[in-house]
Every structure is written in structure tokens, then in C-alpha cells.
Amino acid sequence: MASWAAKRRLLYIAGVIGFFLLVFSYPIFSIFYEAPSCTDGILNQDETGIDCGGTCEAVCEAETVDPVVLWSQELEVKPGQYDAVAHIENPNIRAGVSVINYSFKLYDENGILVAERGGKTFINPSERATIFEGAINTGKRVPVRTFFEFTTEPRWTKVEVARPILPVTNQVFTDDGIKPKLKAELGNELLDAIDDITIVALIFDENDNIIAASKTGVDRLDPQSSKTISFIWPQTLKTEPTRIEIVPRVNLIAN
């Protein structure tokens, strides 16, 4: 039977070993332990899908609806050159896409592809927006139908930022028979500057058909200020314009 001194020595040794295990195991644990996150590829936290939903910024695909292409159209600028426009809608109230690729395809009356143009855009929540690509060369062929599609899958992100109101005032359209021009004032009534503003102008005839479109941009609009924006077409319009829409857009996710 072990003496009291031997038992005390064993207890002391066990205590020392336990102390060192605690001291050295915590750093090892902290090195190898990974806290749950929205990028760990595991369904954890309050996520409703792997790395999406709940507190994660990414919105799960099952909780979103694909953006809708309402219409697409080609617009002759001059012989052999066309602009292409498409109007899209995002039915998702609180989900947007920071960047997504798209493609315009222009076809002739025989259904043969005449020209193709790709680009990138963004999609804000609950937004109807016009996508524009200009100066598409078609040579001697005449497109009569335009097809628009998104060519990458949308990566939906939760968006809580309100869309800024950017008033457009003092619209003036002039056509001297050579190069039609459209000018307007774009305002920022906020106390913060707004960067990377995309502005699309649409011109309609008396039957509310689009007869011309154009796009410009503003790199930065200072707080409580305004800036003149301009659009120019290379030749006179074939139809008298009766209505003009100028729509500014800001990427709410990037900003």
C-alpha cells in the first residue's frame, strides 16, 4: 500500500502534468480551431443554406427569383451600326447582384446571327433597369430581332441600403438636323458623395415606342450638388420625339 508521501507525490506530478496540458493545449486549440463563418463551406450558425441566409450577406438561391427580361430591342444609329437595349426587372425585394455578365445577340430576318456584344452590369433590389450597348457594327446586314440574356449565374447578396434619389431636371433636347443632343442636370441631395453613376436616356415617339437610346456616366457627384450630363447621336432621328426618360443607376452593393 502506497504511503501518504507517495500519494502526495503522485498528486503533485498529476497536477503539474495537468497544468502544462492546459497551458500548451489552448494555443494548439486556438491555432487549429476555426470559428463558424459564412465562408467555411459548412451549414452552421443560423444559415438556411451552406454559407448563405441568416446572418450571412449571401442570399440562398432557393430564396430568390431569377431576374426577368421584359423586352430587348435594336435601334439603328446609322447604316451598319446599331444600339441595343434591354429592360430587366428584379423581383427580389432585398437581394441584389454586384456584378453579372450579359450578352446581346442581333439576328436578321432569316434568324441568322448578325452581331453579338457582351458586357457587365449590376442588379439592385426591386429594380427595373435598362441595359444599353452602343455602336454595334453589323456591316451590310440588317438586324430585325435582338435577344438578351445573362450569361453568368447571379450571386445574390443581401442589400439593406436605400436607393438614393437622384433628380434629373432641366432636360433640353435639340436636333439641328446633323447631331441631336440631349442635356440635363443630375442632382445629389444627399449629404454624402455618390460614385460611379450610370445614366441611360430613352427617347420615345408619339406611340410610346423607343426610337433612340444612349448612355453616359458620372464618376463622382459631390454632396448637395448637380452636374450637367449630355447625350449625342451621330445623325438626326427619323421620328419626332415626344417623351424622354433619363434614368440614373448606382450599384448599391459596391457602394
Foldseek 3Di string as FASTA:
>chain_A
DDDPVVVVVVVVVVVVVVVVCVVPVVVVCVVPDDDDALPPQDPDDPAPDRSADDPHFWHDPVVADDKAWPFKDWADQDQQWIKIKTKIFGAAAFKKFLKFKKKKWFAAPVRHTQFMDMDMDIGGGGDIDMDIDGGTGRDNTDTDGMDMDTDDDGGIGGFPDDFFDWDKADWDWDAPQFKIKIKIKTWAAAQAKAAWKKKKKFFAAPVRDTRDIDIDIDGIDGHGGIDMDMDMGGGDTPGDTDDMDMDIDGSRVVD
